[in-house]
Amino acid sequence: MARKKPPVDNGFILFDILYQDGARTSNRKVPTAEIDSYDSEGSIRAFIEGQDRKIAEMSGNPRGPIKSITRSDV
């Protein structure tokens, strides 16, 4: 008899980011390995801010400060 495969953890959680200037980005991937179980908000914010710094270096357009982070409804 065939067995069901266990669900595969894709290793990412998606978040929607709202910035102070009103800009919004959706479905930003954060690896589950980067999320600290004790300070999940802080570790998610730090990872997203790191991504924003890399994007700003490459594009020359800096992002404003993050206003809120919510988990995507995917």
PDB file of N, CA and C in Angstrom:
ATOM      1  N   MET A   1       0.837  -1.163   0.000  1.00  0.00           N
ATOM      2  CA  MET A   1       0.000   0.000   0.000  1.00  0.00           C
ATOM      3  C   MET A   1       0.897   1.246   0.000  1.00  0.00           C
ATOM      4  N   ALA A   2       0.531   2.224  -0.788  1.00  0.00           N
ATOM      5  CA  ALA A   2       1.324   3.449  -0.895  1.00  0.00           C
ATOM      6  C   ALA A   2       1.152   4.301   0.352  1.00  0.00           C
ATOM      7  N   ARG A   3       2.237   4.930   0.743  1.00  0.00           N
ATOM      8  CA  ARG A   3       2.199   5.817   1.900  1.00  0.00           C
ATOM      9  C   ARG A   3       2.168   7.259   1.431  1.00  0.00           C
ATOM     10  N   LYS A   4       1.496   8.078   2.225  1.00  0.00           N
ATOM     11  CA  LYS A   4       1.483   9.505   1.938  1.00  0.00           C
ATOM     12  C   LYS A   4       2.819  10.107   2.334  1.00  0.00           C
ATOM     13  N   LYS A   5       3.302  11.002   1.506  1.00  0.00           N
ATOM     14  CA  LYS A   5       4.525  11.701   1.860  1.00  0.00           C
ATOM     15  C   LYS A   5       4.191  12.762   2.896  1.00  0.00           C
ATOM     16  N   PRO A   6       5.084  12.967   3.855  1.00  0.00           N
ATOM     17  CA  PRO A   6       4.831  14.029   4.837  1.00  0.00           C
ATOM     18  C   PRO A   6       4.906  15.394   4.144  1.00  0.00           C
ATOM     19  N   PRO A   7       4.190  16.373   4.667  1.00  0.00           N
ATOM     20  CA  PRO A   7       4.241  17.706   4.053  1.00  0.00           C
ATOM     21  C   PRO A   7       5.666  18.251   4.075  1.00  0.00           C
ATOM     22  N   VAL A   8       6.054  18.885   3.006  1.00  0.00           N
ATOM     23  CA  VAL A   8       7.401  19.428   2.880  1.00  0.00           C
ATOM     24  C   VAL A   8       7.405  20.862   3.393  1.00  0.00           C
ATOM     25  N   ASP A   9       8.310  21.142   4.296  1.00  0.00           N
ATOM     26  CA  ASP A   9       8.471  22.503   4.797  1.00  0.00           C
ATOM     27  C   ASP A   9       9.329  23.251   3.791  1.00  0.00           C
ATOM     28  N   ASN A  10       8.733  24.274   3.160  1.00  0.00           N
ATOM     29  CA  ASN A  10       9.476  25.000   2.144  1.00  0.00           C
ATOM     30  C   ASN A  10      10.552  25.897   2.747  1.00  0.00           C
ATOM     31  N   GLY A  11      10.532  26.082   4.049  1.00  0.00           N
ATOM     32  CA  GLY A  11      11.587  26.816   4.711  1.00  0.00           C
ATOM     33  C   GLY A  11      11.421  28.317   4.712  1.00  0.00           C
ATOM     34  N   PHE A  12      10.283  28.825   4.219  1.00  0.00           N
ATOM     35  CA  PHE A  12      10.057  30.260   4.176  1.00  0.00           C
ATOM     36  C   PHE A  12       8.686  30.601   4.746  1.00  0.00           C
ATOM     37  N   ILE A  13       8.593  31.789   5.321  1.00  0.00           N
ATOM     38  CA  ILE A  13       7.315  32.353   5.728  1.00  0.00           C
ATOM     39  C   ILE A  13       7.208  33.693   5.010  1.00  0.00           C
ATOM     40  N   LEU A  14       6.028  34.003   4.493  1.00  0.00           N
ATOM     41  CA  LEU A  14       5.819  35.226   3.736  1.00  0.00           C
ATOM     42  C   LEU A  14       5.220  36.319   4.624  1.00  0.00           C
ATOM     43  N   PHE A  15       5.714  37.546   4.448  1.00  0.00           N
ATOM     44  CA  PHE A  15       5.241  38.686   5.237  1.00  0.00           C
ATOM     45  C   PHE A  15       4.928  39.863   4.335  1.00  0.00           C
ATOM     46  N   ASP A  16       3.951  40.679   4.757  1.00  0.00           N
ATOM     47  CA  ASP A  16       3.637  41.945   4.100  1.00  0.00           C
ATOM     48  C   ASP A  16       4.237  43.051   4.965  1.00  0.00           C
ATOM     49  N   ILE A  17       4.916  43.993   4.307  1.00  0.00           N
ATOM     50  CA  ILE A  17       5.612  45.057   5.016  1.00  0.00           C
ATOM     51  C   ILE A  17       4.973  46.395   4.658  1.00  0.00           C
ATOM     52  N   LEU A  18       4.672  47.204   5.672  1.00  0.00           N
ATOM     53  CA  LEU A  18       4.166  48.555   5.473  1.00  0.00           C
ATOM     54  C   LEU A  18       5.227  49.516   6.007  1.00  0.00           C
ATOM     55  N   TYR A  19       5.612  50.485   5.172  1.00  0.00           N
ATOM     56  CA  TYR A  19       6.646  51.446   5.542  1.00  0.00           C
ATOM     57  C   TYR A  19       6.009  52.751   6.039  1.00  0.00           C
ATOM     58  N   GLN A  20       6.806  53.576   6.728  1.00  0.00           N
ATOM     59  CA  GLN A  20       6.324  54.844   7.292  1.00  0.00           C
ATOM     60  C   GLN A  20       5.759  55.768   6.223  1.00  0.00           C
ATOM     61  N   ASP A  21       6.320  55.733   4.996  1.00  0.00           N
ATOM     62  CA  ASP A  21       5.871  56.630   3.928  1.00  0.00           C
ATOM     63  C   ASP A  21       4.626  56.124   3.208  1.00  0.00           C
ATOM     64  N   GLY A  22       4.060  54.995   3.653  1.00  0.00           N
ATOM     65  CA  GLY A  22       2.850  54.450   3.047  1.00  0.00           C
ATOM     66  C   GLY A  22       3.106  53.382   2.003  1.00  0.00           C
ATOM     67  N   ALA A  23       4.363  53.171   1.623  1.00  0.00           N
ATOM     68  CA  ALA A  23       4.696  52.130   0.648  1.00  0.00           C
ATOM     69  C   ALA A  23       4.452  50.760   1.270  1.00  0.00           C
ATOM     70  N   ARG A  24       4.100  49.805   0.424  1.00  0.00           N
ATOM     71  CA  ARG A  24       3.812  48.448   0.902  1.00  0.00           C
ATOM     72  C   ARG A  24       4.513  47.451  -0.008  1.00  0.00           C
ATOM     73  N   THR A  25       5.103  46.422   0.584  1.00  0.00           N
ATOM     74  CA  THR A  25       5.628  45.296  -0.186  1.00  0.00           C
ATOM     75  C   THR A  25       4.954  44.041   0.337  1.00  0.00           C
ATOM     76  N   SER A  26       4.628  43.156  -0.567  1.00  0.00           N
ATOM     77  CA  SER A  26       3.910  41.935  -0.205  1.00  0.00           C
ATOM     78  C   SER A  26       4.765  40.709  -0.461  1.00  0.00           C
ATOM     79  N   ASN A  27       4.471  39.674   0.296  1.00  0.00           N
ATOM     80  CA  ASN A  27       5.079  38.356   0.121  1.00  0.00           C
ATOM     81  C   ASN A  27       6.600  38.373   0.180  1.00  0.00           C
ATOM     82  N   ARG A  28       7.137  39.066   1.176  1.00  0.00           N
ATOM     83  CA  ARG A  28       8.577  39.054   1.389  1.00  0.00           C
ATOM     84  C   ARG A  28       8.928  37.754   2.091  1.00  0.00           C
ATOM     85  N   LYS A  29       9.862  36.998   1.533  1.00  0.00           N
ATOM     86  CA  LYS A  29      10.251  35.700   2.085  1.00  0.00           C
ATOM     87  C   LYS A  29      11.266  35.869   3.208  1.00  0.00           C
ATOM     88  N   VAL A  30      10.996  35.192   4.314  1.00  0.00           N
ATOM     89  CA  VAL A  30      11.930  35.133   5.428  1.00  0.00           C
ATOM     90  C   VAL A  30      12.152  33.659   5.741  1.00  0.00           C
ATOM     91  N   PRO A  31      13.400  33.186   5.667  1.00  0.00           N
ATOM     92  CA  PRO A  31      13.661  31.772   5.983  1.00  0.00           C
ATOM     93  C   PRO A  31      13.298  31.451   7.428  1.00  0.00           C
ATOM     94  N   THR A  32      12.693  30.294   7.631  1.00  0.00           N
ATOM     95  CA  THR A  32      12.304  29.911   8.991  1.00  0.00           C
ATOM     96  C   THR A  32      13.521  29.756   9.897  1.00  0.00           C
ATOM     97  N   ALA A  33      14.682  29.444   9.319  1.00  0.00           N
ATOM     98  CA  ALA A  33      15.900  29.306  10.115  1.00  0.00           C
ATOM     99  C   ALA A  33      16.356  30.648  10.684  1.00  0.00           C
ATOM    100  N   GLU A  34      15.955  31.757  10.067  1.00  0.00           N
ATOM    101  CA  GLU A  34      16.349  33.089  10.519  1.00  0.00           C
ATOM    102  C   GLU A  34      15.450  33.627  11.634  1.00  0.00           C
ATOM    103  N   ILE A  35      14.323  32.982  11.879  1.00  0.00           N
ATOM    104  CA  ILE A  35      13.364  33.477  12.868  1.00  0.00           C
ATOM    105  C   ILE A  35      13.692  32.895  14.237  1.00  0.00           C
ATOM    106  N   ASP A  36      13.977  33.787  15.180  1.00  0.00           N
ATOM    107  CA  ASP A  36      14.296  33.398  16.552  1.00  0.00           C
ATOM    108  C   ASP A  36      12.996  33.117  17.297  1.00  0.00           C
ATOM    109  N   SER A  37      12.915  32.006  17.984  1.00  0.00           N
ATOM    110  CA  SER A  37      11.677  31.637  18.666  1.00  0.00           C
ATOM    111  C   SER A  37      11.360  32.564  19.844  1.00  0.00           C
ATOM    112  N   TYR A  38      12.367  33.204  20.420  1.00  0.00           N
ATOM    113  CA  TYR A  38      12.131  34.077  21.567  1.00  0.00           C
ATOM    114  C   TYR A  38      11.810  35.506  21.157  1.00  0.00           C
ATOM    115  N   ASP A  39      12.406  35.972  20.072  1.00  0.00           N
ATOM    116  CA  ASP A  39      12.183  37.345  19.603  1.00  0.00           C
ATOM    117  C   ASP A  39      11.876  37.301  18.111  1.00  0.00           C
ATOM    118  N   SER A  40      10.724  36.734  17.763  1.00  0.00           N
ATOM    119  CA  SER A  40      10.407  36.538  16.353  1.00  0.00           C
ATOM    120  C   SER A  40      10.234  37.868  15.629  1.00  0.00           C
ATOM    121  N   GLU A  41       9.558  38.836  16.230  1.00  0.00           N
ATOM    122  CA  GLU A  41       9.352  40.138  15.577  1.00  0.00           C
ATOM    123  C   GLU A  41      10.687  40.829  15.305  1.00  0.00           C
ATOM    124  N   GLY A  42      11.567  40.817  16.273  1.00  0.00           N
ATOM    125  CA  GLY A  42      12.872  41.459  16.110  1.00  0.00           C
ATOM    126  C   GLY A  42      13.729  40.790  15.056  1.00  0.00           C
ATOM    127  N   SER A  43      13.727  39.464  15.023  1.00  0.00           N
ATOM    128  CA  SER A  43      14.542  38.762  14.033  1.00  0.00           C
ATOM    129  C   SER A  43      13.976  38.916  12.629  1.00  0.00           C
ATOM    130  N   ILE A  44      12.652  38.937  12.501  1.00  0.00           N
ATOM    131  CA  ILE A  44      12.023  39.157  11.189  1.00  0.00           C
ATOM    132  C   ILE A  44      12.343  40.564  10.706  1.00  0.00           C
ATOM    133  N   ARG A  45      12.201  41.543  11.583  1.00  0.00           N
ATOM    134  CA  ARG A  45      12.483  42.941  11.232  1.00  0.00           C
ATOM    135  C   ARG A  45      13.948  43.099  10.808  1.00  0.00           C
ATOM    136  N   ALA A  46      14.859  42.484  11.546  1.00  0.00           N
ATOM    137  CA  ALA A  46      16.288  42.587  11.216  1.00  0.00           C
ATOM    138  C   ALA A  46      16.578  41.969   9.848  1.00  0.00           C
ATOM    139  N   PHE A  47      15.959  40.828   9.539  1.00  0.00           N
ATOM    140  CA  PHE A  47      16.191  40.181   8.250  1.00  0.00           C
ATOM    141  C   PHE A  47      15.656  41.043   7.106  1.00  0.00           C
ATOM    142  N   ILE A  48      14.443  41.582   7.263  1.00  0.00           N
ATOM    143  CA  ILE A  48      13.834  42.421   6.227  1.00  0.00           C
ATOM    144  C   ILE A  48      14.652  43.699   6.028  1.00  0.00           C
ATOM    145  N   GLU A  49      15.104  44.319   7.128  1.00  0.00           N
ATOM    146  CA  GLU A  49      15.920  45.527   7.016  1.00  0.00           C
ATOM    147  C   GLU A  49      17.233  45.229   6.309  1.00  0.00           C
ATOM    148  N   GLY A  50      17.805  44.052   6.538  1.00  0.00           N
ATOM    149  CA  GLY A  50      19.018  43.649   5.826  1.00  0.00           C
ATOM    150  C   GLY A  50      18.766  43.515   4.329  1.00  0.00           C
ATOM    151  N   GLN A  51      17.635  42.905   3.968  1.00  0.00           N
ATOM    152  CA  GLN A  51      17.263  42.813   2.556  1.00  0.00           C
ATOM    153  C   GLN A  51      17.097  44.209   1.959  1.00  0.00           C
ATOM    154  N   ASP A  52      16.439  45.109   2.690  1.00  0.00           N
ATOM    155  CA  ASP A  52      16.224  46.471   2.209  1.00  0.00           C
ATOM    156  C   ASP A  52      17.547  47.202   1.989  1.00  0.00           C
ATOM    157  N   ARG A  53      18.528  46.987   2.885  1.00  0.00           N
ATOM    158  CA  ARG A  53      19.834  47.630   2.717  1.00  0.00           C
ATOM    159  C   ARG A  53      20.520  47.151   1.442  1.00  0.00           C
ATOM    160  N   LYS A  54      20.450  45.834   1.181  1.00  0.00           N
ATOM    161  CA  LYS A  54      21.061  45.289  -0.039  1.00  0.00           C
ATOM    162  C   LYS A  54      20.387  45.848  -1.285  1.00  0.00           C
ATOM    163  N   ILE A  55      19.062  45.927  -1.257  1.00  0.00           N
ATOM    164  CA  ILE A  55      18.313  46.471  -2.397  1.00  0.00           C
ATOM    165  C   ILE A  55      18.673  47.941  -2.596  1.00  0.00           C
ATOM    166  N   ALA A  56      18.791  48.708  -1.513  1.00  0.00           N
ATOM    167  CA  ALA A  56      19.129  50.129  -1.609  1.00  0.00           C
ATOM    168  C   ALA A  56      20.531  50.330  -2.167  1.00  0.00           C
ATOM    169  N   GLU A  57      21.467  49.460  -1.780  1.00  0.00           N
ATOM    170  CA  GLU A  57      22.837  49.564  -2.310  1.00  0.00           C
ATOM    171  C   GLU A  57      22.857  49.341  -3.817  1.00  0.00           C
ATOM    172  N   MET A  58      22.082  48.368  -4.284  1.00  0.00           N
ATOM    173  CA  MET A  58      22.082  48.052  -5.710  1.00  0.00           C
ATOM    174  C   MET A  58      21.294  49.070  -6.524  1.00  0.00           C
ATOM    175  N   SER A  59      20.190  49.574  -5.983  1.00  0.00           N
ATOM    176  CA  SER A  59      19.337  50.466  -6.763  1.00  0.00           C
ATOM    177  C   SER A  59      19.646  51.944  -6.532  1.00  0.00           C
ATOM    178  N   GLY A  60      20.200  52.270  -5.385  1.00  0.00           N
ATOM    179  CA  GLY A  60      20.458  53.663  -5.057  1.00  0.00           C
ATOM    180  C   GLY A  60      19.259  54.364  -4.451  1.00  0.00           C
ATOM    181  N   ASN A  61      18.152  53.659  -4.238  1.00  0.00           N
ATOM    182  CA  ASN A  61      16.942  54.228  -3.643  1.00  0.00           C
ATOM    183  C   ASN A  61      16.719  53.621  -2.265  1.00  0.00           C
ATOM    184  N   PRO A  62      17.030  54.374  -1.193  1.00  0.00           N
ATOM    185  CA  PRO A  62      16.856  53.811   0.146  1.00  0.00           C
ATOM    186  C   PRO A  62      15.380  53.694   0.530  1.00  0.00           C
ATOM    187  N   ARG A  63      15.065  52.715   1.349  1.00  0.00           N
ATOM    188  CA  ARG A  63      13.715  52.515   1.881  1.00  0.00           C
ATOM    189  C   ARG A  63      13.583  53.282   3.177  1.00  0.00           C
ATOM    190  N   GLY A  64      12.364  53.674   3.489  1.00  0.00           N
ATOM    191  CA  GLY A  64      12.088  54.332   4.755  1.00  0.00           C
ATOM    192  C   GLY A  64      11.999  53.311   5.873  1.00  0.00           C
ATOM    193  N   PRO A  65      11.767  53.773   7.086  1.00  0.00           N
ATOM    194  CA  PRO A  65      11.631  52.851   8.220  1.00  0.00           C
ATOM    195  C   PRO A  65      10.354  52.012   8.117  1.00  0.00           C
ATOM    196  N   ILE A  66      10.408  50.828   8.677  1.00  0.00           N
ATOM    197  CA  ILE A  66       9.272  49.909   8.661  1.00  0.00           C
ATOM    198  C   ILE A  66       8.260  50.335   9.719  1.00  0.00           C
ATOM    199  N   LYS A  67       6.997  50.417   9.315  1.00  0.00           N
ATOM    200  CA  LYS A  67       5.912  50.758  10.243  1.00  0.00           C
ATOM    201  C   LYS A  67       5.303  49.503  10.858  1.00  0.00           C
ATOM    202  N   SER A  68       4.994  48.505  10.016  1.00  0.00           N
ATOM    203  CA  SER A  68       4.409  47.264  10.549  1.00  0.00           C
ATOM    204  C   SER A  68       4.748  46.075   9.669  1.00  0.00           C
ATOM    205  N   ILE A  69       4.756  44.915  10.292  1.00  0.00           N
ATOM    206  CA  ILE A  69       5.005  43.643   9.610  1.00  0.00           C
ATOM    207  C   ILE A  69       3.860  42.710   9.943  1.00  0.00           C
ATOM    208  N   THR A  70       3.206  42.155   8.921  1.00  0.00           N
ATOM    209  CA  THR A  70       2.127  41.196   9.133  1.00  0.00           C
ATOM    210  C   THR A  70       2.379  39.972   8.272  1.00  0.00           C
ATOM    211  N   ARG A  71       1.941  38.835   8.750  1.00  0.00           N
ATOM    212  CA  ARG A  71       2.099  37.602   7.988  1.00  0.00           C
ATOM    213  C   ARG A  71       1.122  37.594   6.826  1.00  0.00           C
ATOM    214  N   SER A  72       1.595  37.171   5.646  1.00  0.00           N
ATOM    215  CA  SER A  72       0.756  37.125   4.447  1.00  0.00           C
ATOM    216  C   SER A  72      -0.302  36.050   4.577  1.00  0.00           C
ATOM    217  N   ASP A  73      -1.456  36.282   3.950  1.00  0.00           N
ATOM    218  CA  ASP A  73      -2.546  35.317   3.956  1.00  0.00           C
ATOM    219  C   ASP A  73      -2.461  34.437   2.717  1.00  0.00           C
ATOM    220  N   VAL A  74      -1.438  33.613   2.640  1.00  0.00           N
ATOM    221  CA  VAL A  74      -1.287  32.750   1.473  1.00  0.00           C
ATOM    222  C   VAL A  74      -1.761  31.366   1.795  1.00  0.00           C
TER     223      VAL A  74
END
